[in-house]
C-alpha cells in the first residue's frame, strides 16, 4: 500500500479481509502520528464524511462510529440543525430526523481513529518512514516498489509485493511510470476551478449556535461561499472560499470579514466571540481531475490506483473521503474475487467515482466563475437541478430529498421520478409567486433562529 492517508488506510482495511499480509509505505511515521500530519497539507481544513458513507465506514471498520461518539464527535440527526443556502437558494429546512446520521469531527481526529483501527489489524504492517522512489516491474507485472528510508544512513531498498496499490494522492507518479515502461498513461478529464479557501478552527460554548452545520455556496452573482462545521468538544471548523483565486486575508479577522456577507448575523456574532485555535490556514486547489485508468486497454498485473491518485474533486463539496471509502470497498470485493485483472478493478471503481464526479463538476460548470460549460444532457440536468434548488426554498420535502442526494445517501436519479418532478414544478411556481408579492414596508422577510 503506497500512502498511509485516509485513502490508503481504507484500502488497507479492505485488503486485510482477504489477504494474509498488507504493508503500508508512507513518508510519515504512522505509528506515532497524531492529529494533522505534514504529509497531508490540507488536513487542517474542514472535512466531512457524507451521511451516505457512514454505513460503509461501519461496514469496513466495525465499531468506528462508536469510537467517533466516544471521542466527542458531533452526531447530527435532524435537518433542522442545518443551514443551507445553495447556489443562491436558501433552503427551507424541515424539522425531520434523518438516517444515516451525520458524524462531524476534524480531519485529524477522524484519521487518528481510522489509523488506530487499521494498524490494529493483525494482517497490517507499517514500513519504516520512507520516500517512494520507483515501481519495480518486468514481463507485464509489477513486483514491488523501491523506497528510500528516511532514517539517517539508510540506503535504497526494494519492498516486494504481489499487489501494489497506489494511494499517494494527487502527486501520484504512476502515469509517468506507465509511460516510461511502454504503457499508455491515462487520459485526464479536468475542470479548472481555481478555488482558494481559508480556514480557522475555533472553540465556542456549546450553546453559541443552534446549528450543527452552516453551508453557503457560491452563487451566480457571488464567487465566494463558506462552511462552518461543529466538530468534537465544542470546536468548529470555519472555512471561507472563493473561485478565481479569491479568498479573504489569511487571518481570523479575514475569515470573519469573509463571513459577514454570507451568513446570518447570529452566526457572525458567534464566530466573532469564539476563541481561535492554532493558525489560520490557506489552501489552493486548481482543478478537479479524473485520471481515466478505467479506459486503459493495458495495465501491468499487480498494480491498481485509487483515491485522489485517480480522481480529485473540488474540496468545497466534501466528497473526497467518501469517494476513497467506496473505492476501497470495491477493492475488497475485487481482491476477494482473486484480484485477477487490474482493469476490472479500475472499471468497477469508476462507478462511485463517476457518480460523485457528475455532482461536483456539474455544480462547478453551472457557475459563471468556472471556465467551461456543461453540454448536451449534462446541461439539461444542470438546469433541472437549478429548478430543484428553487423549489427547495419553499418545499421541505424537496429540500430533504436534495440534501440526501448531495449527502451521497440517495442517487441523483431519484430526483427524476415523476412524483418528484411534479413537486419541483409546483415548488418553482410557488417560489416565483412569493417573490412577486411586494414586501410590506417596515417588515423584514428574513428569518433567523
Protein backbone atom coordinates (compact mmCIF):
# COMPACT_ATOMS: atom_id res chain seq x y z
CA UNK A 1 0.00 0.00 0.00
CA UNK A 2 1.65 3.24 -1.17
CA UNK A 3 0.37 6.07 1.02
CA UNK A 4 -1.00 5.91 4.54
CA UNK A 5 -3.50 8.73 4.46
CA UNK A 6 -7.28 8.20 4.53
CA UNK A 7 -7.49 6.51 1.11
CA UNK A 8 -4.57 4.20 1.87
CA UNK A 9 -5.93 3.29 5.30
CA UNK A 10 -9.36 2.48 3.88
CA UNK A 11 -7.78 0.36 1.15
CA UNK A 12 -5.53 -1.47 3.63
CA UNK A 13 -8.55 -2.32 5.78
CA UNK A 14 -10.43 -3.65 2.77
CA UNK A 15 -7.50 -5.80 1.62
CA UNK A 16 -6.83 -7.13 5.12
CA UNK A 17 -10.11 -9.02 4.92
CA UNK A 18 -8.83 -11.16 2.04
CA UNK A 19 -5.01 -11.07 2.06
CA UNK A 20 -2.68 -12.51 4.70
CA UNK A 21 -0.32 -9.51 4.82
CA UNK A 22 -0.71 -5.82 3.95
CA UNK A 23 2.28 -3.45 4.10
CA UNK A 24 1.81 0.34 4.23
CA UNK A 25 4.56 2.65 2.98
CA UNK A 26 4.44 6.35 3.87
CA UNK A 27 6.96 9.13 4.37
CA UNK A 28 5.50 9.95 7.81
CA UNK A 29 5.81 7.81 10.94
CA UNK A 30 2.29 6.41 11.03
CA UNK A 31 2.84 4.53 14.29
CA UNK A 32 3.44 7.69 16.32
CA UNK A 33 1.37 10.08 14.19
CA UNK A 34 -1.33 12.13 15.89
CA UNK A 35 -3.51 14.90 14.51
CA UNK A 36 -2.79 16.68 11.21
CA UNK A 37 0.35 15.35 9.50
CA UNK A 38 2.93 17.22 7.44
CA UNK A 39 2.26 14.80 4.59
CA UNK A 40 -1.39 15.92 4.44
CA UNK A 41 -1.18 19.72 3.98
CA UNK A 42 -4.95 20.10 3.59
CA UNK A 43 -5.67 18.25 6.85
CA UNK A 44 -6.20 21.46 8.85
CA UNK A 45 -9.10 22.50 6.66
CA UNK A 46 -12.72 21.38 7.20
CA UNK A 47 -13.52 17.84 6.08
CA UNK A 48 -16.77 15.98 6.01
CA UNK A 49 -17.66 12.34 5.65
CA UNK A 50 -21.00 12.32 3.89
CA UNK A 51 -24.07 10.85 5.55
CA UNK A 52 -24.17 8.31 2.75
CA UNK A 53 -20.75 6.98 3.75
CA UNK A 54 -21.39 6.27 7.43
CA UNK A 55 -22.85 2.81 6.86
CA UNK A 56 -19.95 1.98 4.52
CA UNK A 57 -17.44 3.15 7.12
CA UNK A 58 -19.01 0.99 9.81
CA UNK A 59 -19.02 -1.98 7.43
CA UNK A 60 -15.32 -1.52 6.72
CA UNK A 61 -14.29 -0.83 10.32
CA UNK A 62 -16.93 -2.18 12.72
CA UNK A 63 -17.17 -0.05 15.84
CA UNK A 64 -15.63 3.09 14.32
CA UNK A 65 -18.84 5.10 14.75
CA UNK A 66 -18.82 4.28 18.47
CA UNK A 67 -15.19 5.45 18.53
CA UNK A 68 -16.24 8.76 16.99
CA UNK A 69 -19.04 9.23 19.51
CA UNK A 70 -16.73 8.43 22.42
CA UNK A 71 -14.15 10.90 21.10
CA UNK A 72 -16.74 13.68 21.20
CA UNK A 73 -17.69 13.92 17.53
CA UNK A 74 -20.92 15.76 16.78
CA UNK A 75 -23.72 13.42 15.72
CA UNK A 76 -26.40 15.23 13.73
CA UNK A 77 -29.81 13.58 13.48
CA UNK A 78 -32.18 16.37 12.41
CA UNK A 79 -32.15 18.61 9.35
CA UNK A 80 -33.41 21.48 11.49
CA UNK A 81 -29.83 21.75 12.81
CA UNK A 82 -28.58 22.66 9.33
CA UNK A 83 -28.50 25.98 7.48
CA UNK A 84 -28.27 25.55 3.71
CA UNK A 85 -28.00 28.19 1.01
CA UNK A 86 -27.08 26.51 -2.25
CA UNK A 87 -26.39 28.45 -5.45
CA UNK A 88 -28.24 31.48 -4.09
CA UNK A 89 -31.24 29.45 -2.86
CA UNK A 90 -31.91 29.47 0.91
CA UNK A 91 -33.46 26.08 1.63
CA UNK A 92 -36.45 25.68 3.88
CA UNK A 93 -35.08 23.14 6.34
CA UNK A 94 -37.67 20.69 7.67
CA UNK A 95 -37.88 19.54 11.29
CA UNK A 96 -37.24 15.93 10.40
CA UNK A 97 -34.90 13.25 11.67
CA UNK A 98 -32.69 11.60 9.08
CA UNK A 99 -30.74 8.40 8.75
CA UNK A 100 -27.99 7.58 8.40
CA UNK A 101 -26.78 10.13 10.94
CA UNK A 102 -24.00 12.60 10.23
CA UNK A 103 -20.74 12.29 12.20
CA UNK A 104 -18.76 15.51 12.28
CA UNK A 105 -15.16 15.73 13.50
CA UNK A 106 -11.99 17.45 12.42
CA UNK A 107 -9.86 15.56 9.92
CA UNK A 108 -7.08 14.93 12.44
CA UNK A 109 -9.38 13.11 14.86
CA UNK A 110 -11.08 11.05 12.17
CA UNK A 111 -7.78 9.99 10.64
CA UNK A 112 -6.32 9.14 14.07
CA UNK A 113 -9.26 6.84 14.86
CA UNK A 114 -9.20 5.18 11.43
CA UNK A 115 -5.42 4.71 11.64
CA UNK A 116 -5.67 3.13 15.10
CA UNK A 117 -8.29 0.68 13.85
CA UNK A 118 -6.35 -0.23 10.69
CA UNK A 119 -2.92 -0.57 12.33
CA UNK A 120 -4.55 -2.77 14.96
CA UNK A 121 -5.48 -5.35 12.33
CA UNK A 122 -3.15 -8.37 12.59
CA UNK A 123 -2.63 -8.50 8.82
CA UNK A 124 -1.41 -4.88 8.57
CA UNK A 125 2.21 -3.78 8.99
CA UNK A 126 3.88 -0.40 8.51
CA UNK A 127 7.20 0.01 6.74
CA UNK A 128 9.66 2.40 8.38
CA UNK A 129 9.02 6.01 7.19
CA UNK A 130 10.21 6.05 3.59
CA UNK A 131 10.02 8.03 0.38
CA UNK A 132 8.64 6.13 -2.60
CA UNK A 133 11.25 6.13 -5.37
CA UNK A 134 10.06 3.82 -8.15
CA UNK A 135 7.95 0.83 -9.05
CA UNK A 136 9.64 -2.45 -9.95
CA UNK A 137 8.17 -4.47 -12.79
CA UNK A 138 9.05 -6.98 -15.51
CA UNK A 139 7.17 -9.12 -18.01
CA UNK A 140 3.92 -7.22 -17.68
CA UNK A 141 3.75 -7.33 -13.88
CA UNK A 142 4.67 -5.01 -11.02
CA UNK A 143 6.67 -6.88 -8.38
CA UNK A 144 7.21 -4.23 -5.75
CA UNK A 145 8.48 -0.74 -5.00
CA UNK A 146 11.85 0.88 -4.39
CA UNK A 147 11.84 3.02 -1.25
CA UNK A 148 14.30 5.38 0.44
CA UNK A 149 14.01 5.04 4.21
CA UNK A 150 14.14 8.41 5.94
CA UNK A 151 16.30 7.16 8.80
CA UNK A 152 19.80 8.75 8.53
CA UNK A 153 22.35 6.42 6.99
CA UNK A 154 19.76 4.19 5.31
CA UNK A 155 20.04 3.15 1.66
CA UNK A 156 17.52 2.32 -1.03
CA UNK A 157 15.73 -0.97 -0.70
CA UNK A 158 13.07 -2.88 -2.60
CA UNK A 159 9.85 -3.97 -0.94
CA UNK A 160 8.45 -6.97 -2.82
CA UNK A 161 4.69 -7.31 -3.27
CA UNK A 162 2.19 -9.40 -5.21
CA UNK A 163 -0.08 -6.34 -5.42
CA UNK A 164 0.86 -2.65 -5.29
CA UNK A 165 -1.91 -0.16 -4.54
CA UNK A 166 -1.09 3.47 -5.34
CA UNK A 167 -2.92 5.72 -2.87
CA UNK A 168 -0.33 8.52 -2.92
CA UNK A 169 -2.77 11.27 -3.82
CA UNK A 170 -2.65 14.00 -6.44
CA UNK A 171 1.15 13.71 -6.71
CA UNK A 172 0.98 10.10 -7.92
CA UNK A 173 3.79 9.19 -10.31
CA UNK A 174 2.07 6.12 -11.74
CA UNK A 175 1.15 7.85 -15.04
CA UNK A 176 4.83 8.71 -15.57
CA UNK A 177 5.92 5.17 -14.72
CA UNK A 178 3.38 3.66 -17.12
CA UNK A 179 4.51 5.93 -19.96
CA UNK A 180 8.18 5.11 -19.29
CA UNK A 181 7.50 1.37 -19.37
CA UNK A 182 5.62 1.04 -22.63
CA UNK A 183 2.06 1.61 -21.39
CA UNK A 184 -0.29 4.42 -22.23
CA UNK A 185 -0.75 6.99 -19.49
CA UNK A 186 -4.41 7.53 -18.60
CA UNK A 187 -6.34 10.36 -20.20
CA UNK A 188 -7.31 13.11 -17.78
CA UNK A 189 -10.73 14.73 -17.51
CA UNK A 190 -10.33 18.16 -15.96
CA UNK A 191 -12.48 21.05 -14.76
CA UNK A 192 -10.45 24.08 -13.71
CA UNK A 193 -11.90 25.69 -10.59
CA UNK A 194 -9.02 27.70 -9.05
CA UNK A 195 -10.54 27.51 -5.59
CA UNK A 196 -8.75 29.17 -2.68
CA UNK A 197 -10.03 28.54 0.81
CA UNK A 198 -9.01 29.98 4.14
CA UNK A 199 -9.81 28.02 7.29
CA UNK A 200 -9.83 28.63 11.02
CA UNK A 201 -10.56 26.22 13.83
CA UNK A 202 -12.30 27.88 16.76
CA UNK A 203 -13.78 26.97 20.11
CA UNK A 204 -17.32 28.09 21.03
CA UNK A 205 -19.58 27.45 24.00
CA UNK A 206 -21.89 24.53 23.27
CA UNK A 207 -24.96 26.78 23.07
CA UNK A 208 -23.36 29.52 20.96
CA UNK A 209 -25.16 28.27 17.84
CA UNK A 210 -28.23 26.08 17.40
CA UNK A 211 -26.90 24.87 14.05
CA UNK A 212 -24.52 21.94 13.61
CA UNK A 213 -23.69 22.86 10.03
CA UNK A 214 -23.83 26.12 8.11
CA UNK A 215 -23.25 25.82 4.37
CA UNK A 216 -23.50 28.74 1.95
CA UNK A 217 -22.25 28.04 -1.55
CA UNK A 218 -21.14 30.49 -4.20
CA UNK A 219 -23.95 31.82 -6.36
CA UNK A 220 -24.30 33.09 -9.93
CA UNK A 221 -23.65 36.64 -8.68
CA UNK A 222 -21.09 35.90 -5.94
CA UNK A 223 -17.85 33.87 -6.29
CA UNK A 224 -17.49 33.21 -2.57
CA UNK A 225 -19.01 30.78 -0.09
CA UNK A 226 -18.39 29.26 3.31
CA UNK A 227 -18.84 26.25 5.56
CA UNK A 228 -18.99 26.03 9.34
CA UNK A 229 -18.89 22.54 10.84
CA UNK A 230 -19.49 21.73 14.50
CA UNK A 231 -16.80 19.15 15.33
CA UNK A 232 -15.67 17.48 18.55
CA UNK A 233 -15.64 19.00 22.05
CA UNK A 234 -17.11 22.42 21.21
CA UNK A 235 -14.66 23.01 18.36
CA UNK A 236 -15.73 24.29 14.98
CA UNK A 237 -14.03 24.29 11.59
CA UNK A 238 -14.76 27.54 9.74
CA UNK A 239 -13.85 28.00 6.09
CA UNK A 240 -14.39 30.80 3.55
CA UNK A 241 -13.57 30.12 -0.09
CA UNK A 242 -13.59 31.86 -3.44
CA UNK A 243 -13.42 30.91 -7.10
CA UNK A 244 -10.86 32.52 -9.34
CA UNK A 245 -8.28 32.72 -6.58
CA UNK A 246 -10.45 35.00 -4.45
CA UNK A 247 -10.00 34.47 -0.72
CA UNK A 248 -10.05 36.54 2.45
CA UNK A 249 -6.90 37.59 4.24
CA UNK A 250 -5.16 34.67 5.95
CA UNK A 251 -6.13 35.64 9.47
CA UNK A 252 -9.00 35.17 11.90
CA UNK A 253 -10.10 38.73 11.13
CA UNK A 254 -10.01 37.93 7.41
CA UNK A 255 -12.17 34.82 7.85
CA UNK A 256 -14.62 36.81 9.95
CA UNK A 257 -14.83 39.56 7.32
CA UNK A 258 -15.45 36.92 4.66
CA UNK A 259 -18.37 35.53 6.63
CA UNK A 260 -20.18 38.85 7.07
CA UNK A 261 -21.73 38.92 3.61
CA UNK A 262 -22.57 35.20 3.61
CA UNK A 263 -24.25 34.06 6.82
CA UNK A 264 -26.95 35.31 9.19
CA UNK A 265 -25.91 37.90 11.78
CA UNK A 266 -26.22 35.48 14.71
CA UNK A 267 -23.63 33.20 13.07
CA UNK A 268 -21.20 36.08 12.53
CA UNK A 269 -21.67 37.11 16.16
CA UNK A 270 -20.98 33.62 17.47
CA UNK A 271 -17.79 33.28 15.43
CA UNK A 272 -16.62 36.79 16.42
CA UNK A 273 -16.90 35.78 20.07
CA UNK A 274 -15.15 32.43 19.52
CA UNK A 275 -11.61 31.55 20.57
CA UNK A 276 -9.29 30.87 17.61
CA UNK A 277 -7.36 27.59 17.78
CA UNK A 278 -3.97 27.30 16.05
CA UNK A 279 -3.13 29.37 12.99
CA UNK A 280 -5.32 30.30 10.05
CA UNK A 281 -4.65 28.01 7.08
CA UNK A 282 -4.91 28.60 3.34
CA UNK A 283 -5.05 26.06 0.53
CA UNK A 284 -5.34 26.42 -3.24
CA UNK A 285 -6.96 23.82 -5.45
CA UNK A 286 -6.53 24.46 -9.17
CA UNK A 287 -8.70 21.80 -10.81
CA UNK A 288 -10.80 18.68 -10.39
CA UNK A 289 -9.05 15.86 -12.24
CA UNK A 290 -10.05 12.30 -13.09
CA UNK A 291 -7.28 10.06 -14.44
CA UNK A 292 -9.19 7.60 -16.59
CA UNK A 293 -7.49 4.34 -15.66
CA UNK A 294 -10.84 2.73 -16.37
CA UNK A 295 -10.33 3.44 -20.09
CA UNK A 296 -6.84 1.91 -20.40
CA UNK A 297 -6.57 -1.08 -22.71
CA UNK A 298 -3.43 -2.36 -20.97
CA UNK A 299 -2.22 -2.24 -17.40
CA UNK A 300 0.52 -4.29 -15.74
CA UNK A 301 -0.66 -7.04 -13.45
CA UNK A 302 -0.22 -6.34 -9.76
CA UNK A 303 -0.89 -2.58 -9.86
CA UNK A 304 -4.04 -0.60 -9.11
CA UNK A 305 -4.65 3.07 -8.31
CA UNK A 306 -7.31 4.67 -6.11
CA UNK A 307 -8.25 7.74 -4.09
CA UNK A 308 -7.02 11.17 -5.15
CA UNK A 309 -4.38 9.43 -7.28
CA UNK A 310 -7.30 8.61 -9.60
CA UNK A 311 -9.79 11.42 -9.04
CA UNK A 312 -9.73 14.60 -7.01
CA UNK A 313 -12.84 16.75 -6.64
CA UNK A 314 -13.40 20.38 -5.76
CA UNK A 315 -12.92 20.11 -1.98
CA UNK A 316 -15.73 22.51 -1.07
CA UNK A 317 -18.21 19.67 -1.68
CA UNK A 318 -16.63 17.37 0.91
CA UNK A 319 -16.79 14.25 -1.26
CA UNK A 320 -13.18 13.06 -1.45
CA UNK A 321 -13.18 10.80 1.61
CA UNK A 322 -16.48 9.24 0.60
CA UNK A 323 -15.07 8.51 -2.85
CA UNK A 324 -11.97 6.90 -1.32
CA UNK A 325 -14.09 4.77 1.02
CA UNK A 326 -16.31 3.48 -1.75
CA UNK A 327 -13.33 2.70 -3.97
CA UNK A 328 -11.80 0.75 -1.07
CA UNK A 329 -14.93 -1.37 -0.76
CA UNK A 330 -14.73 -2.12 -4.49
CA UNK A 331 -11.06 -3.05 -3.98
CA UNK A 332 -12.00 -5.52 -1.25
CA UNK A 333 -14.60 -7.17 -3.47
CA UNK A 334 -12.05 -7.38 -6.31
CA UNK A 335 -9.43 -8.93 -4.03
CA UNK A 336 -11.95 -11.47 -2.73
CA UNK A 337 -12.64 -12.49 -6.33
CA UNK A 338 -8.95 -13.18 -6.94
CA UNK A 339 -7.52 -9.78 -7.95
CA UNK A 340 -7.04 -11.16 -11.46
CA UNK A 341 -7.23 -8.11 -13.72
CA UNK A 342 -6.42 -4.56 -12.54
CA UNK A 343 -8.51 -3.10 -15.34
CA UNK A 344 -11.57 -4.80 -13.89
CA UNK A 345 -10.99 -3.02 -10.58
CA UNK A 346 -10.44 0.34 -12.27
CA UNK A 347 -13.65 -0.04 -14.28
CA UNK A 348 -15.71 -1.02 -11.22
CA UNK A 349 -14.19 1.81 -9.15
CA UNK A 350 -15.18 4.25 -11.89
CA UNK A 351 -18.84 3.83 -10.90
CA UNK A 352 -18.66 5.51 -7.47
CA UNK A 353 -16.13 7.99 -8.84
CA UNK A 354 -18.42 8.87 -11.74
CA UNK A 355 -21.45 9.40 -9.53
CA UNK A 356 -19.55 11.94 -7.43
CA UNK A 357 -17.80 13.47 -10.44
CA UNK A 358 -21.14 14.27 -12.06
CA UNK A 359 -22.41 16.05 -8.97
CA UNK A 360 -19.23 18.02 -8.31
CA UNK A 361 -18.31 19.06 -11.84
CA UNK A 362 -21.96 19.67 -12.76
CA UNK A 363 -22.22 22.21 -9.94
CA UNK A 364 -18.92 23.83 -10.93
CA UNK A 365 -19.72 24.07 -14.63
CA UNK A 366 -23.00 25.78 -13.76
CA UNK A 367 -21.01 28.60 -12.14
CA UNK A 368 -20.11 31.67 -14.22
CA UNK A 369 -16.80 31.79 -12.32
CA UNK A 370 -15.60 28.48 -13.77
CA UNK A 371 -14.29 28.16 -17.32
CA UNK A 372 -16.24 25.75 -19.47
CA UNK A 373 -19.84 24.73 -19.53
CA UNK A 374 -21.88 21.56 -19.46
CA UNK A 375 -23.14 20.37 -22.82
CA UNK A 376 -25.87 18.07 -24.08
CA UNK A 377 -27.70 16.01 -21.45
CA UNK A 378 -25.47 17.39 -18.70
CA UNK A 379 -26.67 20.91 -19.48
CA UNK A 380 -30.31 19.81 -19.27
CA UNK A 381 -29.66 18.09 -15.95
CA UNK A 382 -27.91 21.23 -14.71
CA UNK A 383 -30.95 23.37 -15.50
CA UNK A 384 -33.24 20.89 -13.78
CA UNK A 385 -31.05 20.88 -10.67
CA UNK A 386 -31.40 24.65 -10.64
CA UNK A 387 -35.17 24.18 -10.59
CA UNK A 388 -34.83 21.66 -7.73
CA UNK A 389 -32.86 24.21 -5.73
CA UNK A 390 -35.51 26.86 -6.41
CA UNK A 391 -38.28 24.52 -5.24
CA UNK A 392 -36.25 23.68 -2.13
CA UNK A 393 -36.76 27.27 -0.97
CA UNK A 394 -40.45 26.56 -0.33
CA UNK A 395 -40.97 22.77 -0.29
CA UNK A 396 -39.43 20.96 2.72
CA UNK A 397 -39.72 17.56 1.03
CA UNK A 398 -37.75 18.75 -1.99
CA UNK A 399 -35.14 20.19 0.37
CA UNK A 400 -34.96 16.89 2.26
CA UNK A 401 -34.63 14.80 -0.88
CA UNK A 402 -31.99 17.07 -2.38
CA UNK A 403 -29.99 17.07 0.87
CA UNK A 404 -29.87 13.26 0.69
CA UNK A 405 -28.50 13.44 -2.85
CA UNK A 406 -25.74 15.92 -2.04
CA UNK A 407 -25.01 13.86 1.09
CA UNK A 408 -24.47 10.86 -1.23
CA UNK A 409 -27.17 8.88 0.58
CA UNK A 410 -29.57 8.65 -2.38
CA UNK A 411 -28.71 8.51 -6.10
CA UNK A 412 -29.34 11.66 -8.11
CA UNK A 413 -31.65 9.66 -10.37
CA UNK A 414 -34.26 9.76 -7.61
CA UNK A 415 -34.76 13.46 -8.33
CA UNK A 416 -36.08 12.50 -11.77
CA UNK A 417 -39.07 10.43 -10.66
CA UNK A 418 -42.42 11.72 -11.99
CA UNK A 419 -43.64 12.49 -8.45
CA UNK A 420 -40.51 14.47 -7.66
CA UNK A 421 -40.59 16.38 -10.95
CA UNK A 422 -44.19 17.38 -10.24
CA UNK A 423 -43.21 18.64 -6.76
CA UNK A 424 -40.35 20.59 -8.29
CA UNK A 425 -42.61 22.24 -10.87
CA UNK A 426 -45.11 23.20 -8.16
CA UNK A 427 -42.34 24.46 -5.91
CA UNK A 428 -40.88 26.67 -8.63
CA UNK A 429 -44.28 28.22 -9.29
CA UNK A 430 -44.82 28.83 -5.57
CA UNK A 431 -41.39 30.39 -5.10
CA UNK A 432 -41.98 32.71 -8.06
CA UNK A 433 -45.39 33.66 -6.68
CA UNK A 434 -43.90 34.53 -3.31
CA UNK A 435 -41.09 36.50 -4.92
CA UNK A 436 -43.63 38.54 -6.84
CA UNK A 437 -45.51 39.57 -3.67
CA UNK A 438 -44.45 43.14 -2.72
CA UNK A 439 -42.72 43.38 0.64
CA UNK A 440 -44.66 45.11 3.43
CA UNK A 441 -42.88 48.40 4.30
CA UNK A 442 -41.01 48.18 7.58
CA UNK A 443 -41.23 44.38 7.78
CA UNK A 444 -38.28 42.13 7.07
CA UNK A 445 -38.69 38.88 5.19
CA UNK A 446 -35.52 37.40 6.66
CA UNK A 447 -35.86 34.56 9.11
CA UNK A 448 -33.22 33.56 11.63
CA UNK A 449 -33.10 31.23 14.58
